[in-house]
Amino acid sequence: MSLFAGMAEAAGCRRLEVAWTAGTVADLRAQLARLRPAIAGLLAKSTIALDGRYAADAATVIPPVSGG
């Protein structure tokens, strides 16, 4: 997951690796807040984009998959 501007500064990094099986954007926000409490306040008022589009908190987020 990429972080930008003040969120990257508060987290102390520009990328976070998150162990993720599936859930909603709201679930992802909650997990990120647990992993990096310093960004919890910013997460509450930030938008999350999936595949280049803004996603509502109820949107489902699945992990990257590959197959053959």
PDB file of N, CA and C in Angstrom:
ATOM      1  N   MET A   1       0.844  -1.152   0.000  1.00  0.00           N
ATOM      2  CA  MET A   1       0.000   0.000   0.000  1.00  0.00           C
ATOM      3  C   MET A   1       0.899   1.227   0.000  1.00  0.00           C
ATOM      4  N   SER A   2       0.593   2.181  -0.858  1.00  0.00           N
ATOM      5  CA  SER A   2       1.371   3.420  -0.943  1.00  0.00           C
ATOM      6  C   SER A   2       0.763   4.493  -0.057  1.00  0.00           C
ATOM      7  N   LEU A   3       1.617   5.241   0.598  1.00  0.00           N
ATOM      8  CA  LEU A   3       1.191   6.361   1.440  1.00  0.00           C
ATOM      9  C   LEU A   3       1.779   7.645   0.868  1.00  0.00           C
ATOM     10  N   PHE A   4       1.062   8.745   1.026  1.00  0.00           N
ATOM     11  CA  PHE A   4       1.489  10.008   0.459  1.00  0.00           C
ATOM     12  C   PHE A   4       1.451  11.121   1.503  1.00  0.00           C
ATOM     13  N   ALA A   5       2.228  12.149   1.242  1.00  0.00           N
ATOM     14  CA  ALA A   5       2.226  13.409   2.002  1.00  0.00           C
ATOM     15  C   ALA A   5       2.290  13.181   3.510  1.00  0.00           C
ATOM     16  N   GLY A   6       1.374  13.804   4.244  1.00  0.00           N
ATOM     17  CA  GLY A   6       1.386  13.753   5.703  1.00  0.00           C
ATOM     18  C   GLY A   6       1.222  12.357   6.265  1.00  0.00           C
ATOM     19  N   MET A   7       0.491  11.498   5.548  1.00  0.00           N
ATOM     20  CA  MET A   7       0.318  10.137   6.042  1.00  0.00           C
ATOM     21  C   MET A   7       1.642   9.379   5.979  1.00  0.00           C
ATOM     22  N   ALA A   8       2.390   9.559   4.903  1.00  0.00           N
ATOM     23  CA  ALA A   8       3.713   8.916   4.795  1.00  0.00           C
ATOM     24  C   ALA A   8       4.636   9.436   5.888  1.00  0.00           C
ATOM     25  N   GLU A   9       4.570  10.720   6.137  1.00  0.00           N
ATOM     26  CA  GLU A   9       5.405  11.315   7.186  1.00  0.00           C
ATOM     27  C   GLU A   9       5.042  10.759   8.560  1.00  0.00           C
ATOM     28  N   ALA A  10       3.742  10.686   8.849  1.00  0.00           N
ATOM     29  CA  ALA A  10       3.295  10.179  10.151  1.00  0.00           C
ATOM     30  C   ALA A  10       3.624   8.696  10.319  1.00  0.00           C
ATOM     31  N   ALA A  11       3.530   7.928   9.236  1.00  0.00           N
ATOM     32  CA  ALA A  11       3.812   6.492   9.299  1.00  0.00           C
ATOM     33  C   ALA A  11       5.309   6.204   9.307  1.00  0.00           C
ATOM     34  N   GLY A  12       6.092   7.161   8.812  1.00  0.00           N
ATOM     35  CA  GLY A  12       7.533   6.963   8.749  1.00  0.00           C
ATOM     36  C   GLY A  12       7.977   6.146   7.550  1.00  0.00           C
ATOM     37  N   CYS A  13       7.077   6.007   6.568  1.00  0.00           N
ATOM     38  CA  CYS A  13       7.415   5.260   5.355  1.00  0.00           C
ATOM     39  C   CYS A  13       6.427   5.620   4.245  1.00  0.00           C
ATOM     40  N   ARG A  14       6.793   5.301   3.024  1.00  0.00           N
ATOM     41  CA  ARG A  14       5.919   5.565   1.875  1.00  0.00           C
ATOM     42  C   ARG A  14       5.151   4.320   1.420  1.00  0.00           C
ATOM     43  N   ARG A  15       5.552   3.149   1.909  1.00  0.00           N
ATOM     44  CA  ARG A  15       4.859   1.908   1.559  1.00  0.00           C
ATOM     45  C   ARG A  15       4.674   1.050   2.802  1.00  0.00           C
ATOM     46  N   LEU A  16       3.514   0.429   2.895  1.00  0.00           N
ATOM     47  CA  LEU A  16       3.227  -0.528   3.962  1.00  0.00           C
ATOM     48  C   LEU A  16       2.855  -1.860   3.326  1.00  0.00           C
ATOM     49  N   GLU A  17       3.426  -2.918   3.825  1.00  0.00           N
ATOM     50  CA  GLU A  17       3.024  -4.259   3.421  1.00  0.00           C
ATOM     51  C   GLU A  17       1.987  -4.729   4.439  1.00  0.00           C
ATOM     52  N   VAL A  18       0.851  -5.170   3.950  1.00  0.00           N
ATOM     53  CA  VAL A  18      -0.243  -5.562   4.827  1.00  0.00           C
ATOM     54  C   VAL A  18      -0.631  -7.005   4.507  1.00  0.00           C
ATOM     55  N   ALA A  19      -0.652  -7.853   5.519  1.00  0.00           N
ATOM     56  CA  ALA A  19      -1.157  -9.213   5.343  1.00  0.00           C
ATOM     57  C   ALA A  19      -2.678  -9.101   5.224  1.00  0.00           C
ATOM     58  N   TRP A  20      -3.215  -9.525   4.072  1.00  0.00           N
ATOM     59  CA  TRP A  20      -4.636  -9.278   3.815  1.00  0.00           C
ATOM     60  C   TRP A  20      -5.251 -10.500   3.143  1.00  0.00           C
ATOM     61  N   THR A  21      -6.382 -10.949   3.666  1.00  0.00           N
ATOM     62  CA  THR A  21      -7.082 -12.066   3.035  1.00  0.00           C
ATOM     63  C   THR A  21      -8.293 -11.572   2.259  1.00  0.00           C
ATOM     64  N   ALA A  22      -9.074 -10.699   2.829  1.00  0.00           N
ATOM     65  CA  ALA A  22     -10.221 -10.069   2.165  1.00  0.00           C
ATOM     66  C   ALA A  22     -10.992  -9.288   3.214  1.00  0.00           C
ATOM     67  N   GLY A  23     -11.783  -8.356   2.770  1.00  0.00           N
ATOM     68  CA  GLY A  23     -12.602  -7.541   3.658  1.00  0.00           C
ATOM     69  C   GLY A  23     -13.014  -6.278   2.939  1.00  0.00           C
ATOM     70  N   THR A  24     -13.512  -5.331   3.688  1.00  0.00           N
ATOM     71  CA  THR A  24     -13.963  -4.072   3.107  1.00  0.00           C
ATOM     72  C   THR A  24     -12.896  -2.992   3.286  1.00  0.00           C
ATOM     73  N   VAL A  25     -13.118  -1.875   2.631  1.00  0.00           N
ATOM     74  CA  VAL A  25     -12.231  -0.727   2.808  1.00  0.00           C
ATOM     75  C   VAL A  25     -12.226  -0.315   4.279  1.00  0.00           C
ATOM     76  N   ALA A  26     -13.384  -0.354   4.927  1.00  0.00           N
ATOM     77  CA  ALA A  26     -13.457  -0.014   6.362  1.00  0.00           C
ATOM     78  C   ALA A  26     -12.593  -0.968   7.185  1.00  0.00           C
ATOM     79  N   ASP A  27     -12.613  -2.263   6.841  1.00  0.00           N
ATOM     80  CA  ASP A  27     -11.772  -3.246   7.531  1.00  0.00           C
ATOM     81  C   ASP A  27     -10.293  -2.919   7.326  1.00  0.00           C
ATOM     82  N   LEU A  28      -9.951  -2.532   6.103  1.00  0.00           N
ATOM     83  CA  LEU A  28      -8.569  -2.177   5.797  1.00  0.00           C
ATOM     84  C   LEU A  28      -8.130  -0.961   6.604  1.00  0.00           C
ATOM     85  N   ARG A  29      -9.000   0.052   6.690  1.00  0.00           N
ATOM     86  CA  ARG A  29      -8.688   1.231   7.508  1.00  0.00           C
ATOM     87  C   ARG A  29      -8.402   0.820   8.948  1.00  0.00           C
ATOM     88  N   ALA A  30      -9.253  -0.051   9.493  1.00  0.00           N
ATOM     89  CA  ALA A  30      -9.098  -0.494  10.883  1.00  0.00           C
ATOM     90  C   ALA A  30      -7.776  -1.239  11.070  1.00  0.00           C
ATOM     91  N   GLN A  31      -7.424  -2.105  10.120  1.00  0.00           N
ATOM     92  CA  GLN A  31      -6.170  -2.842  10.239  1.00  0.00           C
ATOM     93  C   GLN A  31      -4.974  -1.897  10.155  1.00  0.00           C
ATOM     94  N   LEU A  32      -5.026  -0.941   9.240  1.00  0.00           N
ATOM     95  CA  LEU A  32      -3.929   0.025   9.120  1.00  0.00           C
ATOM     96  C   LEU A  32      -3.782   0.857  10.393  1.00  0.00           C
ATOM     97  N   ALA A  33      -4.899   1.231  10.990  1.00  0.00           N
ATOM     98  CA  ALA A  33      -4.858   2.002  12.236  1.00  0.00           C
ATOM     99  C   ALA A  33      -4.232   1.192  13.369  1.00  0.00           C
ATOM    100  N   ARG A  34      -4.500  -0.115  13.389  1.00  0.00           N
ATOM    101  CA  ARG A  34      -3.880  -0.984  14.406  1.00  0.00           C
ATOM    102  C   ARG A  34      -2.378  -1.119  14.159  1.00  0.00           C
ATOM    103  N   LEU A  35      -1.996  -1.247  12.885  1.00  0.00           N
ATOM    104  CA  LEU A  35      -0.578  -1.411  12.552  1.00  0.00           C
ATOM    105  C   LEU A  35       0.230  -0.146  12.790  1.00  0.00           C
ATOM    106  N   ARG A  36      -0.360   0.998  12.479  1.00  0.00           N
ATOM    107  CA  ARG A  36       0.316   2.299  12.601  1.00  0.00           C
ATOM    108  C   ARG A  36      -0.623   3.294  13.273  1.00  0.00           C
ATOM    109  N   PRO A  37      -0.739   3.254  14.599  1.00  0.00           N
ATOM    110  CA  PRO A  37      -1.657   4.149  15.313  1.00  0.00           C
ATOM    111  C   PRO A  37      -1.448   5.629  14.987  1.00  0.00           C
ATOM    112  N   ALA A  38      -0.246   6.014  14.611  1.00  0.00           N
ATOM    113  CA  ALA A  38       0.033   7.427  14.306  1.00  0.00           C
ATOM    114  C   ALA A  38      -0.756   7.940  13.107  1.00  0.00           C
ATOM    115  N   ILE A  39      -1.254   7.039  12.254  1.00  0.00           N
ATOM    116  CA  ILE A  39      -2.001   7.502  11.079  1.00  0.00           C
ATOM    117  C   ILE A  39      -3.514   7.336  11.230  1.00  0.00           C
ATOM    118  N   ALA A  40      -3.975   6.849  12.367  1.00  0.00           N
ATOM    119  CA  ALA A  40      -5.401   6.583  12.566  1.00  0.00           C
ATOM    120  C   ALA A  40      -6.265   7.811  12.294  1.00  0.00           C
ATOM    121  N   GLY A  41      -5.875   8.955  12.812  1.00  0.00           N
ATOM    122  CA  GLY A  41      -6.663  10.169  12.597  1.00  0.00           C
ATOM    123  C   GLY A  41      -6.720  10.575  11.131  1.00  0.00           C
ATOM    124  N   LEU A  42      -5.613  10.415  10.428  1.00  0.00           N
ATOM    125  CA  LEU A  42      -5.592  10.742   9.001  1.00  0.00           C
ATOM    126  C   LEU A  42      -6.398   9.743   8.181  1.00  0.00           C
ATOM    127  N   LEU A  43      -6.372   8.477   8.559  1.00  0.00           N
ATOM    128  CA  LEU A  43      -7.141   7.458   7.841  1.00  0.00           C
ATOM    129  C   LEU A  43      -8.633   7.766   7.874  1.00  0.00           C
ATOM    130  N   ALA A  44      -9.092   8.270   9.003  1.00  0.00           N
ATOM    131  CA  ALA A  44     -10.513   8.560   9.165  1.00  0.00           C
ATOM    132  C   ALA A  44     -11.006   9.628   8.192  1.00  0.00           C
ATOM    133  N   LYS A  45     -10.114  10.487   7.724  1.00  0.00           N
ATOM    134  CA  LYS A  45     -10.548  11.554   6.813  1.00  0.00           C
ATOM    135  C   LYS A  45      -9.869  11.489   5.449  1.00  0.00           C
ATOM    136  N   SER A  46      -9.323  10.328   5.115  1.00  0.00           N
ATOM    137  CA  SER A  46      -8.649  10.138   3.834  1.00  0.00           C
ATOM    138  C   SER A  46      -9.456   9.202   2.943  1.00  0.00           C
ATOM    139  N   THR A  47      -9.184   9.296   1.653  1.00  0.00           N
ATOM    140  CA  THR A  47      -9.831   8.437   0.674  1.00  0.00           C
ATOM    141  C   THR A  47      -8.867   7.332   0.275  1.00  0.00           C
ATOM    142  N   ILE A  48      -9.399   6.149   0.106  1.00  0.00           N
ATOM    143  CA  ILE A  48      -8.604   5.016  -0.353  1.00  0.00           C
ATOM    144  C   ILE A  48      -8.990   4.733  -1.798  1.00  0.00           C
ATOM    145  N   ALA A  49      -7.989   4.537  -2.637  1.00  0.00           N
ATOM    146  CA  ALA A  49      -8.233   4.223  -4.046  1.00  0.00           C
ATOM    147  C   ALA A  49      -7.855   2.778  -4.322  1.00  0.00           C
ATOM    148  N   LEU A  50      -8.694   2.118  -5.096  1.00  0.00           N
ATOM    149  CA  LEU A  50      -8.442   0.751  -5.553  1.00  0.00           C
ATOM    150  C   LEU A  50      -8.461   0.763  -7.077  1.00  0.00           C
ATOM    151  N   ASP A  51      -7.420   0.275  -7.678  1.00  0.00           N
ATOM    152  CA  ASP A  51      -7.330   0.243  -9.139  1.00  0.00           C
ATOM    153  C   ASP A  51      -7.573   1.621  -9.754  1.00  0.00           C
ATOM    154  N   GLY A  52      -7.050   2.660  -9.104  1.00  0.00           N
ATOM    155  CA  GLY A  52      -7.142   4.010  -9.643  1.00  0.00           C
ATOM    156  C   GLY A  52      -8.480   4.696  -9.446  1.00  0.00           C
ATOM    157  N   ARG A  53      -9.378   4.102  -8.672  1.00  0.00           N
ATOM    158  CA  ARG A  53     -10.695   4.710  -8.412  1.00  0.00           C
ATOM    159  C   ARG A  53     -10.927   4.798  -6.910  1.00  0.00           C
ATOM    160  N   TYR A  54     -11.561   5.885  -6.501  1.00  0.00           N
ATOM    161  CA  TYR A  54     -11.889   6.027  -5.087  1.00  0.00           C
ATOM    162  C   TYR A  54     -12.896   4.956  -4.688  1.00  0.00           C
ATOM    163  N   ALA A  55     -12.710   4.388  -3.494  1.00  0.00           N
ATOM    164  CA  ALA A  55     -13.562   3.294  -3.030  1.00  0.00           C
ATOM    165  C   ALA A  55     -14.315   3.691  -1.762  1.00  0.00           C
ATOM    166  N   ALA A  56     -15.587   3.340  -1.713  1.00  0.00           N
ATOM    167  CA  ALA A  56     -16.420   3.564  -0.527  1.00  0.00           C
ATOM    168  C   ALA A  56     -16.002   2.575   0.562  1.00  0.00           C
ATOM    169  N   ASP A  57     -16.291   2.914   1.810  1.00  0.00           N
ATOM    170  CA  ASP A  57     -15.919   2.040   2.926  1.00  0.00           C
ATOM    171  C   ASP A  57     -16.543   0.648   2.824  1.00  0.00           C
ATOM    172  N   ALA A  58     -17.676   0.518   2.130  1.00  0.00           N
ATOM    173  CA  ALA A  58     -18.336  -0.782   2.002  1.00  0.00           C
ATOM    174  C   ALA A  58     -17.768  -1.627   0.859  1.00  0.00           C
ATOM    175  N   ALA A  59     -16.874  -1.050   0.045  1.00  0.00           N
ATOM    176  CA  ALA A  59     -16.298  -1.788  -1.089  1.00  0.00           C
ATOM    177  C   ALA A  59     -15.436  -2.945  -0.598  1.00  0.00           C
ATOM    178  N   THR A  60     -15.502  -4.041  -1.298  1.00  0.00           N
ATOM    179  CA  THR A  60     -14.715  -5.226  -0.970  1.00  0.00           C
ATOM    180  C   THR A  60     -13.306  -5.096  -1.523  1.00  0.00           C
ATOM    181  N   VAL A  61     -12.340  -5.446  -0.689  1.00  0.00           N
ATOM    182  CA  VAL A  61     -10.927  -5.420  -1.090  1.00  0.00           C
ATOM    183  C   VAL A  61     -10.434  -6.860  -1.027  1.00  0.00           C
ATOM    184  N   ILE A  62      -9.982  -7.371  -2.177  1.00  0.00           N
ATOM    185  CA  ILE A  62      -9.430  -8.717  -2.183  1.00  0.00           C
ATOM    186  C   ILE A  62      -7.924  -8.608  -2.399  1.00  0.00           C
ATOM    187  N   PRO A  63      -7.179  -9.618  -1.938  1.00  0.00           N
ATOM    188  CA  PRO A  63      -5.728  -9.564  -2.142  1.00  0.00           C
ATOM    189  C   PRO A  63      -5.397  -9.848  -3.611  1.00  0.00           C
ATOM    190  N   PRO A  64      -4.225  -9.431  -4.041  1.00  0.00           N
ATOM    191  CA  PRO A  64      -3.791  -9.759  -5.400  1.00  0.00           C
ATOM    192  C   PRO A  64      -3.734 -11.279  -5.568  1.00  0.00           C
ATOM    193  N   VAL A  65      -4.149 -11.745  -6.730  1.00  0.00           N
ATOM    194  CA  VAL A  65      -4.122 -13.186  -7.002  1.00  0.00           C
ATOM    195  C   VAL A  65      -3.419 -13.432  -8.331  1.00  0.00           C
ATOM    196  N   SER A  66      -2.934 -14.627  -8.477  1.00  0.00           N
ATOM    197  CA  SER A  66      -2.354 -15.023  -9.753  1.00  0.00           C
ATOM    198  C   SER A  66      -2.729 -16.479  -9.984  1.00  0.00           C
ATOM    199  N   GLY A  67      -2.654 -16.888 -11.179  1.00  0.00           N
ATOM    200  CA  GLY A  67      -3.000 -18.267 -11.475  1.00  0.00           C
ATOM    201  C   GLY A  67      -2.519 -18.626 -12.859  1.00  0.00           C
ATOM    202  N   GLY A  68      -2.775 -19.828 -13.223  1.00  0.00           N
ATOM    203  CA  GLY A  68      -2.298 -20.258 -14.514  1.00  0.00           C
ATOM    204  C   GLY A  68      -3.264 -21.085 -15.280  1.00  0.00           C
TER     205      GLY A  68
END
